[in-house]
Amino acid sequence: MKSGKTIRFTPHAKEKLDRLVKMHVTEEKVVETIQNPESLEAGYFGRKIAQSSLTSELMLRVVYEETNNRVLVITVYPAKRERYV
């Protein structure tokens, strides 16, 4: 992702962040994951899925849509690393 794009969160993504605060998942962590993912996958409907480490067993997955001037975060969730290796 090119820097300088506006990053917005859907209401669903904000709700997920509220639930993941105990795992130290913040908006900053999500933005960092989008800008510097450990891996990047294609998702459904042209979406992208950026991944980064949370713990030795868990990774953070961020599903987002990207246009010329913005990024819209659809959802964020922790996942077992072994499932996506």
PDB file of N, CA and C in Angstrom:
ATOM      1  N   MET A   1       0.840  -1.185   0.000  1.00  0.00           N
ATOM      2  CA  MET A   1       0.000   0.000   0.000  1.00  0.00           C
ATOM      3  C   MET A   1       0.873   1.231   0.000  1.00  0.00           C
ATOM      4  N   LYS A   2       0.525   2.198  -0.813  1.00  0.00           N
ATOM      5  CA  LYS A   2       1.263   3.456  -0.830  1.00  0.00           C
ATOM      6  C   LYS A   2       0.885   4.273   0.389  1.00  0.00           C
ATOM      7  N   SER A   3       1.883   4.911   0.999  1.00  0.00           N
ATOM      8  CA  SER A   3       1.582   5.756   2.157  1.00  0.00           C
ATOM      9  C   SER A   3       0.856   7.006   1.681  1.00  0.00           C
ATOM     10  N   GLY A   4       0.186   7.662   2.582  1.00  0.00           N
ATOM     11  CA  GLY A   4      -0.538   8.875   2.250  1.00  0.00           C
ATOM     12  C   GLY A   4      -2.008   8.643   1.963  1.00  0.00           C
ATOM     13  N   LYS A   5      -2.412   7.397   1.855  1.00  0.00           N
ATOM     14  CA  LYS A   5      -3.827   7.106   1.638  1.00  0.00           C
ATOM     15  C   LYS A   5      -4.573   7.222   2.958  1.00  0.00           C
ATOM     16  N   THR A   6      -5.790   7.698   2.877  1.00  0.00           N
ATOM     17  CA  THR A   6      -6.651   7.770   4.042  1.00  0.00           C
ATOM     18  C   THR A   6      -7.096   6.356   4.405  1.00  0.00           C
ATOM     19  N   ILE A   7      -6.985   6.012   5.683  1.00  0.00           N
ATOM     20  CA  ILE A   7      -7.431   4.696   6.155  1.00  0.00           C
ATOM     21  C   ILE A   7      -8.656   4.893   7.023  1.00  0.00           C
ATOM     22  N   ARG A   8      -9.760   4.255   6.618  1.00  0.00           N
ATOM     23  CA  ARG A   8     -11.008   4.344   7.358  1.00  0.00           C
ATOM     24  C   ARG A   8     -11.419   2.952   7.813  1.00  0.00           C
ATOM     25  N   PHE A   9     -12.221   2.911   8.858  1.00  0.00           N
ATOM     26  CA  PHE A   9     -12.696   1.652   9.433  1.00  0.00           C
ATOM     27  C   PHE A   9     -14.214   1.587   9.328  1.00  0.00           C
ATOM     28  N   THR A  10     -14.731   0.450   8.905  1.00  0.00           N
ATOM     29  CA  THR A  10     -16.183   0.264   8.912  1.00  0.00           C
ATOM     30  C   THR A  10     -16.644   0.167  10.367  1.00  0.00           C
ATOM     31  N   PRO A  11     -17.931   0.394  10.621  1.00  0.00           N
ATOM     32  CA  PRO A  11     -18.432   0.202  11.990  1.00  0.00           C
ATOM     33  C   PRO A  11     -18.140  -1.210  12.509  1.00  0.00           C
ATOM     34  N   HIS A  12     -18.237  -2.200  11.634  1.00  0.00           N
ATOM     35  CA  HIS A  12     -17.947  -3.576  12.036  1.00  0.00           C
ATOM     36  C   HIS A  12     -16.490  -3.715  12.486  1.00  0.00           C
ATOM     37  N   ALA A  13     -15.562  -3.140  11.728  1.00  0.00           N
ATOM     38  CA  ALA A  13     -14.136  -3.222  12.081  1.00  0.00           C
ATOM     39  C   ALA A  13     -13.870  -2.520  13.414  1.00  0.00           C
ATOM     40  N   LYS A  14     -14.520  -1.390  13.650  1.00  0.00           N
ATOM     41  CA  LYS A  14     -14.339  -0.679  14.932  1.00  0.00           C
ATOM     42  C   LYS A  14     -14.864  -1.511  16.092  1.00  0.00           C
ATOM     43  N   GLU A  15     -15.987  -2.189  15.879  1.00  0.00           N
ATOM     44  CA  GLU A  15     -16.545  -3.051  16.920  1.00  0.00           C
ATOM     45  C   GLU A  15     -15.579  -4.202  17.222  1.00  0.00           C
ATOM     46  N   LYS A  16     -15.004  -4.784  16.173  1.00  0.00           N
ATOM     47  CA  LYS A  16     -14.030  -5.861  16.370  1.00  0.00           C
ATOM     48  C   LYS A  16     -12.820  -5.360  17.144  1.00  0.00           C
ATOM     49  N   LEU A  17     -12.353  -4.165  16.847  1.00  0.00           N
ATOM     50  CA  LEU A  17     -11.211  -3.594  17.575  1.00  0.00           C
ATOM     51  C   LEU A  17     -11.542  -3.440  19.052  1.00  0.00           C
ATOM     52  N   ASP A  18     -12.755  -3.003  19.352  1.00  0.00           N
ATOM     53  CA  ASP A  18     -13.159  -2.862  20.752  1.00  0.00           C
ATOM     54  C   ASP A  18     -13.067  -4.199  21.481  1.00  0.00           C
ATOM     55  N   ARG A  19     -13.419  -5.283  20.788  1.00  0.00           N
ATOM     56  CA  ARG A  19     -13.381  -6.614  21.403  1.00  0.00           C
ATOM     57  C   ARG A  19     -11.959  -7.174  21.503  1.00  0.00           C
ATOM     58  N   LEU A  20     -11.058  -6.689  20.659  1.00  0.00           N
ATOM     59  CA  LEU A  20      -9.697  -7.225  20.623  1.00  0.00           C
ATOM     60  C   LEU A  20      -8.694  -6.405  21.431  1.00  0.00           C
ATOM     61  N   VAL A  21      -9.167  -5.404  22.145  1.00  0.00           N
ATOM     62  CA  VAL A  21      -8.254  -4.539  22.903  1.00  0.00           C
ATOM     63  C   VAL A  21      -7.464  -5.333  23.938  1.00  0.00           C
ATOM     64  N   LYS A  22      -8.048  -6.396  24.472  1.00  0.00           N
ATOM     65  CA  LYS A  22      -7.341  -7.231  25.454  1.00  0.00           C
ATOM     66  C   LYS A  22      -6.136  -7.923  24.834  1.00  0.00           C
ATOM     67  N   MET A  23      -6.168  -8.092  23.523  1.00  0.00           N
ATOM     68  CA  MET A  23      -5.059  -8.732  22.815  1.00  0.00           C
ATOM     69  C   MET A  23      -4.072  -7.695  22.268  1.00  0.00           C
ATOM     70  N   HIS A  24      -4.253  -6.448  22.692  1.00  0.00           N
ATOM     71  CA  HIS A  24      -3.387  -5.344  22.271  1.00  0.00           C
ATOM     72  C   HIS A  24      -3.492  -5.052  20.782  1.00  0.00           C
ATOM     73  N   VAL A  25      -4.671  -5.278  20.214  1.00  0.00           N
ATOM     74  CA  VAL A  25      -4.921  -4.921  18.821  1.00  0.00           C
ATOM     75  C   VAL A  25      -5.515  -3.522  18.825  1.00  0.00           C
ATOM     76  N   THR A  26      -4.805  -2.590  18.226  1.00  0.00           N
ATOM     77  CA  THR A  26      -5.214  -1.188  18.175  1.00  0.00           C
ATOM     78  C   THR A  26      -5.332  -0.753  16.716  1.00  0.00           C
ATOM     79  N   GLU A  27      -5.895   0.431  16.506  1.00  0.00           N
ATOM     80  CA  GLU A  27      -5.942   0.988  15.154  1.00  0.00           C
ATOM     81  C   GLU A  27      -4.522   1.116  14.605  1.00  0.00           C
ATOM     82  N   GLU A  28      -3.584   1.486  15.465  1.00  0.00           N
ATOM     83  CA  GLU A  28      -2.191   1.635  15.029  1.00  0.00           C
ATOM     84  C   GLU A  28      -1.617   0.304  14.549  1.00  0.00           C
ATOM     85  N   LYS A  29      -1.925  -0.783  15.248  1.00  0.00           N
ATOM     86  CA  LYS A  29      -1.460  -2.112  14.853  1.00  0.00           C
ATOM     87  C   LYS A  29      -2.066  -2.502  13.505  1.00  0.00           C
ATOM     88  N   VAL A  30      -3.330  -2.169  13.301  1.00  0.00           N
ATOM     89  CA  VAL A  30      -4.003  -2.477  12.037  1.00  0.00           C
ATOM     90  C   VAL A  30      -3.356  -1.694  10.892  1.00  0.00           C
ATOM     91  N   VAL A  31      -3.114  -0.404  11.104  1.00  0.00           N
ATOM     92  CA  VAL A  31      -2.484   0.426  10.070  1.00  0.00           C
ATOM     93  C   VAL A  31      -1.082  -0.094   9.757  1.00  0.00           C
ATOM     94  N   GLU A  32      -0.334  -0.443  10.786  1.00  0.00           N
ATOM     95  CA  GLU A  32       1.012  -1.007  10.600  1.00  0.00           C
ATOM     96  C   GLU A  32       0.943  -2.306   9.791  1.00  0.00           C
ATOM     97  N   THR A  33      -0.047  -3.138  10.071  1.00  0.00           N
ATOM     98  CA  THR A  33      -0.216  -4.395   9.353  1.00  0.00           C
ATOM     99  C   THR A  33      -0.522  -4.144   7.879  1.00  0.00           C
ATOM    100  N   ILE A  34      -1.342  -3.149   7.593  1.00  0.00           N
ATOM    101  CA  ILE A  34      -1.664  -2.818   6.202  1.00  0.00           C
ATOM    102  C   ILE A  34      -0.431  -2.265   5.483  1.00  0.00           C
ATOM    103  N   GLN A  35       0.294  -1.387   6.147  1.00  0.00           N
ATOM    104  CA  GLN A  35       1.441  -0.737   5.511  1.00  0.00           C
ATOM    105  C   GLN A  35       2.657  -1.649   5.382  1.00  0.00           C
ATOM    106  N   ASN A  36       2.860  -2.557   6.340  1.00  0.00           N
ATOM    107  CA  ASN A  36       4.010  -3.458   6.333  1.00  0.00           C
ATOM    108  C   ASN A  36       3.590  -4.873   6.714  1.00  0.00           C
ATOM    109  N   PRO A  37       2.812  -5.532   5.869  1.00  0.00           N
ATOM    110  CA  PRO A  37       2.339  -6.870   6.221  1.00  0.00           C
ATOM    111  C   PRO A  37       3.461  -7.900   6.163  1.00  0.00           C
ATOM    112  N   GLU A  38       3.361  -8.906   7.021  1.00  0.00           N
ATOM    113  CA  GLU A  38       4.278 -10.049   6.925  1.00  0.00           C
ATOM    114  C   GLU A  38       3.923 -10.867   5.696  1.00  0.00           C
ATOM    115  N   SER A  39       2.632 -10.898   5.371  1.00  0.00           N
ATOM    116  CA  SER A  39       2.187 -11.515   4.121  1.00  0.00           C
ATOM    117  C   SER A  39       0.910 -10.828   3.666  1.00  0.00           C
ATOM    118  N   LEU A  40       0.646 -10.943   2.381  1.00  0.00           N
ATOM    119  CA  LEU A  40      -0.520 -10.298   1.776  1.00  0.00           C
ATOM    120  C   LEU A  40      -1.173 -11.307   0.846  1.00  0.00           C
ATOM    121  N   GLU A  41      -2.495 -11.466   0.991  1.00  0.00           N
ATOM    122  CA  GLU A  41      -3.237 -12.423   0.176  1.00  0.00           C
ATOM    123  C   GLU A  41      -4.390 -11.723  -0.522  1.00  0.00           C
ATOM    124  N   ALA A  42      -4.835 -12.320  -1.597  1.00  0.00           N
ATOM    125  CA  ALA A  42      -6.039 -11.840  -2.280  1.00  0.00           C
ATOM    126  C   ALA A  42      -7.250 -12.400  -1.554  1.00  0.00           C
ATOM    127  N   GLY A  43      -8.250 -11.555  -1.363  1.00  0.00           N
ATOM    128  CA  GLY A  43      -9.489 -11.978  -0.732  1.00  0.00           C
ATOM    129  C   GLY A  43     -10.620 -11.962  -1.749  1.00  0.00           C
ATOM    130  N   TYR A  44     -11.821 -12.202  -1.283  1.00  0.00           N
ATOM    131  CA  TYR A  44     -12.993 -12.157  -2.152  1.00  0.00           C
ATOM    132  C   TYR A  44     -13.302 -10.733  -2.578  1.00  0.00           C
ATOM    133  N   PHE A  45     -13.929 -10.589  -3.742  1.00  0.00           N
ATOM    134  CA  PHE A  45     -14.420  -9.308  -4.247  1.00  0.00           C
ATOM    135  C   PHE A  45     -13.314  -8.271  -4.429  1.00  0.00           C
ATOM    136  N   GLY A  46     -12.100  -8.713  -4.726  1.00  0.00           N
ATOM    137  CA  GLY A  46     -10.993  -7.786  -4.936  1.00  0.00           C
ATOM    138  C   GLY A  46     -10.385  -7.236  -3.661  1.00  0.00           C
ATOM    139  N   ARG A  47     -10.807  -7.764  -2.527  1.00  0.00           N
ATOM    140  CA  ARG A  47     -10.259  -7.297  -1.250  1.00  0.00           C
ATOM    141  C   ARG A  47      -8.880  -7.895  -1.030  1.00  0.00           C
ATOM    142  N   LYS A  48      -8.148  -7.301  -0.086  1.00  0.00           N
ATOM    143  CA  LYS A  48      -6.826  -7.790   0.287  1.00  0.00           C
ATOM    144  C   LYS A  48      -6.852  -8.198   1.754  1.00  0.00           C
ATOM    145  N   ILE A  49      -5.988  -9.163   2.093  1.00  0.00           N
ATOM    146  CA  ILE A  49      -5.869  -9.609   3.478  1.00  0.00           C
ATOM    147  C   ILE A  49      -4.410  -9.494   3.877  1.00  0.00           C
ATOM    148  N   ALA A  50      -4.137  -8.563   4.778  1.00  0.00           N
ATOM    149  CA  ALA A  50      -2.780  -8.362   5.294  1.00  0.00           C
ATOM    150  C   ALA A  50      -2.665  -9.113   6.614  1.00  0.00           C
ATOM    151  N   GLN A  51      -1.492  -9.701   6.842  1.00  0.00           N
ATOM    152  CA  GLN A  51      -1.287 -10.479   8.058  1.00  0.00           C
ATOM    153  C   GLN A  51      -0.026 -10.037   8.779  1.00  0.00           C
ATOM    154  N   SER A  52      -0.081 -10.080  10.122  1.00  0.00           N
ATOM    155  CA  SER A  52       1.096  -9.813  10.951  1.00  0.00           C
ATOM    156  C   SER A  52       0.987 -10.632  12.231  1.00  0.00           C
ATOM    157  N   SER A  53       2.083 -10.781  12.939  1.00  0.00           N
ATOM    158  CA  SER A  53       2.129 -11.589  14.159  1.00  0.00           C
ATOM    159  C   SER A  53       1.466 -10.893  15.331  1.00  0.00           C
ATOM    160  N   LEU A  54       0.751 -11.682  16.130  1.00  0.00           N
ATOM    161  CA  LEU A  54       0.238 -11.223  17.419  1.00  0.00           C
ATOM    162  C   LEU A  54       1.012 -11.928  18.532  1.00  0.00           C
ATOM    163  N   THR A  55       1.067 -13.252  18.435  1.00  0.00           N
ATOM    164  CA  THR A  55       1.816 -14.074  19.385  1.00  0.00           C
ATOM    165  C   THR A  55       2.492 -15.179  18.573  1.00  0.00           C
ATOM    166  N   SER A  56       3.172 -16.082  19.260  1.00  0.00           N
ATOM    167  CA  SER A  56       3.796 -17.190  18.526  1.00  0.00           C
ATOM    168  C   SER A  56       2.749 -18.106  17.898  1.00  0.00           C
ATOM    169  N   GLU A  57       1.535 -18.134  18.446  1.00  0.00           N
ATOM    170  CA  GLU A  57       0.476 -18.988  17.912  1.00  0.00           C
ATOM    171  C   GLU A  57      -0.551 -18.244  17.071  1.00  0.00           C
ATOM    172  N   LEU A  58      -0.668 -16.933  17.265  1.00  0.00           N
ATOM    173  CA  LEU A  58      -1.724 -16.169  16.602  1.00  0.00           C
ATOM    174  C   LEU A  58      -1.179 -15.107  15.656  1.00  0.00           C
ATOM    175  N   MET A  59      -1.944 -14.871  14.603  1.00  0.00           N
ATOM    176  CA  MET A  59      -1.627 -13.773  13.706  1.00  0.00           C
ATOM    177  C   MET A  59      -2.859 -12.882  13.568  1.00  0.00           C
ATOM    178  N   LEU A  60      -2.620 -11.640  13.215  1.00  0.00           N
ATOM    179  CA  LEU A  60      -3.705 -10.695  12.976  1.00  0.00           C
ATOM    180  C   LEU A  60      -3.972 -10.672  11.484  1.00  0.00           C
ATOM    181  N   ARG A  61      -5.234 -10.822  11.112  1.00  0.00           N
ATOM    182  CA  ARG A  61      -5.632 -10.732   9.700  1.00  0.00           C
ATOM    183  C   ARG A  61      -6.511  -9.502   9.536  1.00  0.00           C
ATOM    184  N   VAL A  62      -6.178  -8.678   8.560  1.00  0.00           N
ATOM    185  CA  VAL A  62      -6.899  -7.439   8.284  1.00  0.00           C
ATOM    186  C   VAL A  62      -7.437  -7.519   6.859  1.00  0.00           C
ATOM    187  N   VAL A  63      -8.750  -7.502   6.730  1.00  0.00           N
ATOM    188  CA  VAL A  63      -9.393  -7.541   5.418  1.00  0.00           C
ATOM    189  C   VAL A  63      -9.751  -6.105   5.047  1.00  0.00           C
ATOM    190  N   TYR A  64      -9.293  -5.675   3.857  1.00  0.00           N
ATOM    191  CA  TYR A  64      -9.544  -4.294   3.455  1.00  0.00           C
ATOM    192  C   TYR A  64      -9.719  -4.160   1.957  1.00  0.00           C
ATOM    193  N   GLU A  65     -10.326  -3.023   1.569  1.00  0.00           N
ATOM    194  CA  GLU A  65     -10.485  -2.651   0.170  1.00  0.00           C
ATOM    195  C   GLU A  65      -9.619  -1.428  -0.070  1.00  0.00           C
ATOM    196  N   GLU A  66      -8.968  -1.388  -1.210  1.00  0.00           N
ATOM    197  CA  GLU A  66      -8.070  -0.276  -1.527  1.00  0.00           C
ATOM    198  C   GLU A  66      -8.488   0.353  -2.856  1.00  0.00           C
ATOM    199  N   THR A  67      -8.601   1.682  -2.852  1.00  0.00           N
ATOM    200  CA  THR A  67      -8.842   2.428  -4.080  1.00  0.00           C
ATOM    201  C   THR A  67      -7.659   3.376  -4.277  1.00  0.00           C
ATOM    202  N   ASN A  68      -7.768   4.247  -5.258  1.00  0.00           N
ATOM    203  CA  ASN A  68      -6.655   5.151  -5.551  1.00  0.00           C
ATOM    204  C   ASN A  68      -6.260   6.039  -4.383  1.00  0.00           C
ATOM    205  N   ASN A  69      -7.243   6.470  -3.584  1.00  0.00           N
ATOM    206  CA  ASN A  69      -6.913   7.440  -2.539  1.00  0.00           C
ATOM    207  C   ASN A  69      -7.331   7.031  -1.123  1.00  0.00           C
ATOM    208  N   ARG A  70      -7.834   5.804  -0.954  1.00  0.00           N
ATOM    209  CA  ARG A  70      -8.225   5.419   0.405  1.00  0.00           C
ATOM    210  C   ARG A  70      -8.156   3.912   0.600  1.00  0.00           C
ATOM    211  N   VAL A  71      -8.145   3.542   1.877  1.00  0.00           N
ATOM    212  CA  VAL A  71      -8.203   2.146   2.294  1.00  0.00           C
ATOM    213  C   VAL A  71      -9.380   2.038   3.258  1.00  0.00           C
ATOM    214  N   LEU A  72     -10.246   1.067   3.036  1.00  0.00           N
ATOM    215  CA  LEU A  72     -11.380   0.838   3.920  1.00  0.00           C
ATOM    216  C   LEU A  72     -11.194  -0.520   4.581  1.00  0.00           C
ATOM    217  N   VAL A  73     -11.011  -0.493   5.912  1.00  0.00           N
ATOM    218  CA  VAL A  73     -10.837  -1.736   6.671  1.00  0.00           C
ATOM    219  C   VAL A  73     -12.217  -2.337   6.887  1.00  0.00           C
ATOM    220  N   ILE A  74     -12.389  -3.566   6.391  1.00  0.00           N
ATOM    221  CA  ILE A  74     -13.679  -4.253   6.478  1.00  0.00           C
ATOM    222  C   ILE A  74     -13.804  -4.975   7.815  1.00  0.00           C
ATOM    223  N   THR A  75     -12.772  -5.731   8.182  1.00  0.00           N
ATOM    224  CA  THR A  75     -12.784  -6.462   9.448  1.00  0.00           C
ATOM    225  C   THR A  75     -11.357  -6.804   9.858  1.00  0.00           C
ATOM    226  N   VAL A  76     -11.186  -7.109  11.116  1.00  0.00           N
ATOM    227  CA  VAL A  76      -9.906  -7.581  11.657  1.00  0.00           C
ATOM    228  C   VAL A  76     -10.207  -8.751  12.582  1.00  0.00           C
ATOM    229  N   TYR A  77      -9.302  -9.737  12.598  1.00  0.00           N
ATOM    230  CA  TYR A  77      -9.527 -10.866  13.500  1.00  0.00           C
ATOM    231  C   TYR A  77      -8.229 -11.618  13.739  1.00  0.00           C
ATOM    232  N   PRO A  78      -8.113 -12.214  14.923  1.00  0.00           N
ATOM    233  CA  PRO A  78      -6.966 -13.076  15.193  1.00  0.00           C
ATOM    234  C   PRO A  78      -7.238 -14.457  14.605  1.00  0.00           C
ATOM    235  N   ALA A  79      -6.176 -15.121  14.188  1.00  0.00           N
ATOM    236  CA  ALA A  79      -6.322 -16.471  13.634  1.00  0.00           C
ATOM    237  C   ALA A  79      -5.124 -17.306  14.046  1.00  0.00           C
ATOM    238  N   LYS A  80      -5.352 -18.596  14.157  1.00  0.00           N
ATOM    239  CA  LYS A  80      -4.240 -19.493  14.464  1.00  0.00           C
ATOM    240  C   LYS A  80      -3.287 -19.505  13.279  1.00  0.00           C
ATOM    241  N   ARG A  81      -2.024 -19.299  13.569  1.00  0.00           N
ATOM    242  CA  ARG A  81      -0.998 -19.236  12.538  1.00  0.00           C
ATOM    243  C   ARG A  81      -1.003 -20.495  11.665  1.00  0.00           C
ATOM    244  N   GLU A  82      -1.169 -21.649  12.297  1.00  0.00           N
ATOM    245  CA  GLU A  82      -1.101 -22.926  11.571  1.00  0.00           C
ATOM    246  C   GLU A  82      -2.172 -23.044  10.497  1.00  0.00           C
ATOM    247  N   ARG A  83      -3.255 -22.304  10.646  1.00  0.00           N
ATOM    248  CA  ARG A  83      -4.353 -22.391   9.682  1.00  0.00           C
ATOM    249  C   ARG A  83      -4.017 -21.705   8.361  1.00  0.00           C
ATOM    250  N   TYR A  84      -3.123 -20.720   8.390  1.00  0.00           N
ATOM    251  CA  TYR A  84      -2.843 -19.931   7.196  1.00  0.00           C
ATOM    252  C   TYR A  84      -1.389 -20.029   6.738  1.00  0.00           C
ATOM    253  N   VAL A  85      -0.713 -21.089   7.095  1.00  0.00           N
ATOM    254  CA  VAL A  85       0.684 -21.266   6.666  1.00  0.00           C
ATOM    255  C   VAL A  85       0.721 -21.994   5.349  1.00  0.00           C
TER     256      VAL A  85
END
